[in-house]
Amino acid sequence: MLARGAVQHDEASKLYYYLRAGLPVVSEAPVPNNHLITESGAGLIAPFGDDAVMAELIEAATRRRWDARAARAYVLAHQTWDRRVEVYERLLAAELGV
């Protein structure tokens, strides 16, 4: 579970660790990397500050069958260092006009 406040300034790297382990995540809306949850389908996102909904989603997550393989496959396909290098290469090439 990730629940840390209305303003997020860090990377929330726990998401990567949980998904690589095939674990589902329950997070609050302002966490910057929540797109990982929606793209991988491996978790739930509660609105910020709604403790009742957060508790409901945590309980729901414990009862649901999650596809651990799909979560790991998502990370391997989209969040490796090689993929990050590709993104930076594209950005730098565009900036330099190469």
Protein backbone atom coordinates (compact mmCIF):
# COMPACT_ATOMS: atom_id res chain seq x y z
CA MET A 1 0.00 0.00 0.00
CA LEU A 2 1.19 3.49 -0.82
CA ALA A 3 -0.44 6.39 0.98
CA ARG A 4 1.72 9.40 1.59
CA GLY A 5 -0.03 12.73 1.31
CA ALA A 6 -1.52 15.24 -1.10
CA VAL A 7 1.76 16.41 -2.64
CA GLN A 8 4.18 13.91 -4.12
CA HIS A 9 7.71 14.92 -5.06
CA ASP A 10 9.54 11.61 -5.15
CA GLU A 11 9.51 8.67 -7.51
CA ALA A 12 7.54 6.19 -5.41
CA SER A 13 9.89 3.43 -6.53
CA LYS A 14 8.15 0.88 -4.31
CA LEU A 15 5.71 0.35 -7.16
CA TYR A 16 8.49 -1.09 -9.33
CA TYR A 17 9.60 -3.44 -6.56
CA TYR A 18 6.08 -4.68 -5.84
CA LEU A 19 5.25 -5.22 -9.50
CA ARG A 20 8.56 -7.00 -10.18
CA ALA A 21 7.66 -9.34 -7.33
CA GLY A 22 4.22 -9.88 -8.87
CA LEU A 23 2.47 -8.24 -5.93
CA PRO A 24 -0.63 -6.06 -6.29
CA VAL A 25 -0.52 -2.46 -5.09
CA VAL A 26 -3.14 -0.26 -3.46
CA SER A 27 -2.18 3.39 -3.81
CA GLU A 28 -3.56 6.90 -3.39
CA ALA A 29 -4.36 9.11 -6.36
CA PRO A 30 -1.46 11.58 -6.08
CA VAL A 31 1.36 8.99 -6.31
CA PRO A 32 3.23 9.96 -9.51
CA ASN A 33 3.80 6.42 -10.80
CA ASN A 34 0.21 5.26 -10.50
CA HIS A 35 0.20 4.78 -14.27
CA LEU A 36 2.19 1.61 -13.55
CA ILE A 37 -0.78 0.24 -11.63
CA THR A 38 -3.31 1.05 -14.32
CA GLU A 39 -1.09 -0.08 -17.21
CA SER A 40 -0.14 -3.36 -15.55
CA GLY A 41 -3.60 -4.04 -14.13
CA ALA A 42 -1.92 -5.05 -10.87
CA GLY A 43 -3.59 -2.93 -8.26
CA LEU A 44 -6.14 -0.38 -7.22
CA ILE A 45 -6.04 3.38 -6.70
CA ALA A 46 -8.00 5.20 -3.98
CA PRO A 47 -8.83 8.90 -3.99
CA PHE A 48 -6.54 10.96 -1.78
CA GLY A 49 -7.66 11.29 1.81
CA ASP A 50 -10.55 8.85 1.62
CA ASP A 51 -9.55 6.39 4.33
CA ALA A 52 -12.78 4.42 4.03
CA VAL A 53 -12.24 3.77 0.31
CA MET A 54 -8.57 2.98 0.93
CA ALA A 55 -9.56 0.38 3.52
CA GLU A 56 -12.17 -1.08 1.17
CA LEU A 57 -9.66 -1.36 -1.65
CA ILE A 58 -7.04 -2.99 0.56
CA GLU A 59 -9.62 -5.53 1.68
CA ALA A 60 -10.73 -6.10 -1.92
CA ALA A 61 -7.11 -6.58 -3.01
CA THR A 62 -6.62 -9.34 -0.46
CA ARG A 63 -9.63 -11.23 -1.82
CA ARG A 64 -8.90 -10.84 -5.52
CA ARG A 65 -6.78 -13.21 -7.60
CA TRP A 66 -3.99 -11.18 -9.20
CA ASP A 67 -1.98 -12.25 -12.21
CA ALA A 68 1.55 -12.12 -10.81
CA ARG A 69 3.05 -13.23 -14.14
CA ALA A 70 1.35 -10.40 -15.99
CA ALA A 71 2.68 -7.84 -13.49
CA ARG A 72 6.23 -9.16 -13.85
CA ALA A 73 5.90 -9.31 -17.64
CA TYR A 74 4.71 -5.69 -17.70
CA VAL A 75 7.77 -4.52 -15.78
CA LEU A 76 10.13 -6.55 -17.96
CA ALA A 77 8.52 -5.21 -21.13
CA HIS A 78 8.25 -1.55 -20.11
CA GLN A 79 10.45 -0.68 -17.15
CA THR A 80 13.93 -2.08 -17.73
CA TRP A 81 17.10 -0.01 -17.95
CA ASP A 82 17.30 -0.83 -21.67
CA ARG A 83 13.85 0.68 -22.17
CA ARG A 84 14.82 3.77 -20.20
CA VAL A 85 17.94 4.17 -22.34
CA GLU A 86 15.75 3.99 -25.46
CA VAL A 87 13.56 6.79 -24.11
CA TYR A 88 16.56 8.99 -23.30
CA GLU A 89 18.14 8.29 -26.70
CA ARG A 90 14.92 9.37 -28.44
CA LEU A 91 14.64 12.51 -26.31
CA LEU A 92 18.28 13.48 -26.86
CA ALA A 93 18.10 12.78 -30.59
CA ALA A 94 15.00 14.96 -30.89
CA GLU A 95 16.60 17.74 -28.84
CA LEU A 96 19.81 17.64 -30.86
CA GLY A 97 18.01 17.21 -34.19
CA VAL A 98 19.82 13.97 -34.97
